[in-house]
């Protein structure tokens, strides 16, 4: 994974939440995220993403019977084990 943060550079840290199946294969998910962020963003010279990491925060939520877009991000959450 490349990173482009310069010595002494001020940066903004922005969180990103992803909804994935509760029984997700975390290794496969980590690989997919790595490809999305490294090969399609950080490695591009014109990308605004300088670096990234997993925050190691993992929550479960349950969608309503007829979920609306983004709804799962605002429902009750329960902590689960961290990514390996």
C-alpha atoms as a PDB file:
ATOM      1  CA  UNK A   1       0.000   0.000   0.000  1.00  0.00           C
ATOM      2  CA  UNK A   2       1.394   3.344  -1.002  1.00  0.00           C
ATOM      3  CA  UNK A   3       0.921   6.451   1.045  1.00  0.00           C
ATOM      4  CA  UNK A   4       1.576  10.031   0.101  1.00  0.00           C
ATOM      5  CA  UNK A   5       1.565  11.901   3.426  1.00  0.00           C
ATOM      6  CA  UNK A   6       4.424  14.374   3.563  1.00  0.00           C
ATOM      7  CA  UNK A   7       6.561  15.158   6.603  1.00  0.00           C
ATOM      8  CA  UNK A   8       4.755  17.662   8.829  1.00  0.00           C
ATOM      9  CA  UNK A   9       1.699  17.785   6.536  1.00  0.00           C
ATOM     10  CA  UNK A  10      -1.629  18.630   8.189  1.00  0.00           C
ATOM     11  CA  UNK A  11      -4.356  16.187   7.173  1.00  0.00           C
ATOM     12  CA  UNK A  12      -8.042  15.620   7.896  1.00  0.00           C
ATOM     13  CA  UNK A  13      -9.124  12.158   9.105  1.00  0.00           C
ATOM     14  CA  UNK A  14     -12.528  11.163   7.700  1.00  0.00           C
ATOM     15  CA  UNK A  15     -14.459   8.065   8.796  1.00  0.00           C
ATOM     16  CA  UNK A  16     -16.232   5.766   6.368  1.00  0.00           C
ATOM     17  CA  UNK A  17     -18.880   3.233   7.327  1.00  0.00           C
ATOM     18  CA  UNK A  18     -19.686   0.210   5.155  1.00  0.00           C
ATOM     19  CA  UNK A  19     -22.695  -2.075   5.517  1.00  0.00           C
ATOM     20  CA  UNK A  20     -21.696  -5.700   4.866  1.00  0.00           C
ATOM     21  CA  UNK A  21     -23.350  -9.040   5.690  1.00  0.00           C
ATOM     22  CA  UNK A  22     -23.061  -9.953   9.398  1.00  0.00           C
ATOM     23  CA  UNK A  23     -21.259 -13.185   8.480  1.00  0.00           C
ATOM     24  CA  UNK A  24     -18.795 -11.479   6.114  1.00  0.00           C
ATOM     25  CA  UNK A  25     -15.428 -13.113   5.500  1.00  0.00           C
ATOM     26  CA  UNK A  26     -13.294 -10.346   7.016  1.00  0.00           C
ATOM     27  CA  UNK A  27     -10.186 -11.452   5.119  1.00  0.00           C
ATOM     28  CA  UNK A  28     -11.970 -11.204   1.779  1.00  0.00           C
ATOM     29  CA  UNK A  29     -13.493  -7.870   2.821  1.00  0.00           C
ATOM     30  CA  UNK A  30     -10.077  -6.520   3.826  1.00  0.00           C
ATOM     31  CA  UNK A  31      -8.700  -7.530   0.427  1.00  0.00           C
ATOM     32  CA  UNK A  32     -11.613  -5.851  -1.364  1.00  0.00           C
ATOM     33  CA  UNK A  33     -11.203  -2.624   0.625  1.00  0.00           C
ATOM     34  CA  UNK A  34      -7.475  -2.668  -0.023  1.00  0.00           C
ATOM     35  CA  UNK A  35      -8.021  -2.908  -3.787  1.00  0.00           C
ATOM     36  CA  UNK A  36     -10.657  -0.159  -3.729  1.00  0.00           C
ATOM     37  CA  UNK A  37      -8.572   2.268  -1.729  1.00  0.00           C
ATOM     38  CA  UNK A  38      -5.051   1.480  -2.883  1.00  0.00           C
ATOM     39  CA  UNK A  39      -5.307   0.539  -6.544  1.00  0.00           C
ATOM     40  CA  UNK A  40      -8.217   2.855  -7.329  1.00  0.00           C
ATOM     41  CA  UNK A  41      -7.368   5.853  -5.159  1.00  0.00           C
ATOM     42  CA  UNK A  42      -4.112   6.188  -3.204  1.00  0.00           C
ATOM     43  CA  UNK A  43      -1.999   4.941  -6.102  1.00  0.00           C
ATOM     44  CA  UNK A  44      -3.447   7.588  -8.469  1.00  0.00           C
ATOM     45  CA  UNK A  45      -1.452  10.820  -8.546  1.00  0.00           C
ATOM     46  CA  UNK A  46      -4.650  12.914  -8.686  1.00  0.00           C
ATOM     47  CA  UNK A  47      -6.305  11.202  -5.681  1.00  0.00           C
ATOM     48  CA  UNK A  48      -7.245  13.259  -2.636  1.00  0.00           C
ATOM     49  CA  UNK A  49      -6.725  10.150  -0.459  1.00  0.00           C
ATOM     50  CA  UNK A  50      -3.216  10.284   0.967  1.00  0.00           C
ATOM     51  CA  UNK A  51      -3.321   7.171   3.161  1.00  0.00           C
ATOM     52  CA  UNK A  52      -5.848   4.900   4.865  1.00  0.00           C
ATOM     53  CA  UNK A  53      -6.207   2.265   7.572  1.00  0.00           C
ATOM     54  CA  UNK A  54      -8.851   0.081   9.178  1.00  0.00           C
ATOM     55  CA  UNK A  55     -10.245   1.733  12.293  1.00  0.00           C
ATOM     56  CA  UNK A  56     -10.869  -1.645  13.938  1.00  0.00           C
ATOM     57  CA  UNK A  57     -14.386  -0.620  14.892  1.00  0.00           C
ATOM     58  CA  UNK A  58     -16.947  -3.210  13.934  1.00  0.00           C
ATOM     59  CA  UNK A  59     -20.670  -3.008  14.712  1.00  0.00           C
ATOM     60  CA  UNK A  60     -23.769  -5.022  13.922  1.00  0.00           C
ATOM     61  CA  UNK A  61     -27.138  -3.463  13.176  1.00  0.00           C
ATOM     62  CA  UNK A  62     -30.381  -4.908  11.844  1.00  0.00           C
ATOM     63  CA  UNK A  63     -32.286  -3.383   8.946  1.00  0.00           C
ATOM     64  CA  UNK A  64     -36.015  -2.677   9.146  1.00  0.00           C
ATOM     65  CA  UNK A  65     -38.453  -4.862   7.193  1.00  0.00           C
ATOM     66  CA  UNK A  66     -38.421  -2.326   4.343  1.00  0.00           C
ATOM     67  CA  UNK A  67     -35.089  -0.513   4.773  1.00  0.00           C
ATOM     68  CA  UNK A  68     -34.508   2.898   3.252  1.00  0.00           C
ATOM     69  CA  UNK A  69     -31.140   3.927   1.814  1.00  0.00           C
ATOM     70  CA  UNK A  70     -28.674   4.612   4.637  1.00  0.00           C
ATOM     71  CA  UNK A  71     -31.144   3.492   7.312  1.00  0.00           C
ATOM     72  CA  UNK A  72     -28.885   0.784   8.773  1.00  0.00           C
ATOM     73  CA  UNK A  73     -26.335   3.427   9.760  1.00  0.00           C
ATOM     74  CA  UNK A  74     -28.853   5.039  12.142  1.00  0.00           C
ATOM     75  CA  UNK A  75     -30.237   1.938  13.894  1.00  0.00           C
ATOM     76  CA  UNK A  76     -29.120   0.480  17.240  1.00  0.00           C
ATOM     77  CA  UNK A  77     -25.645  -1.070  17.080  1.00  0.00           C
ATOM     78  CA  UNK A  78     -23.895  -3.871  18.925  1.00  0.00           C
ATOM     79  CA  UNK A  79     -20.078  -4.183  19.014  1.00  0.00           C
ATOM     80  CA  UNK A  80     -18.583  -7.353  17.513  1.00  0.00           C
ATOM     81  CA  UNK A  81     -15.054  -8.716  17.213  1.00  0.00           C
ATOM     82  CA  UNK A  82     -12.470  -6.645  15.359  1.00  0.00           C
ATOM     83  CA  UNK A  83     -10.976  -7.430  11.976  1.00  0.00           C
ATOM     84  CA  UNK A  84      -8.049  -9.816  12.199  1.00  0.00           C
END
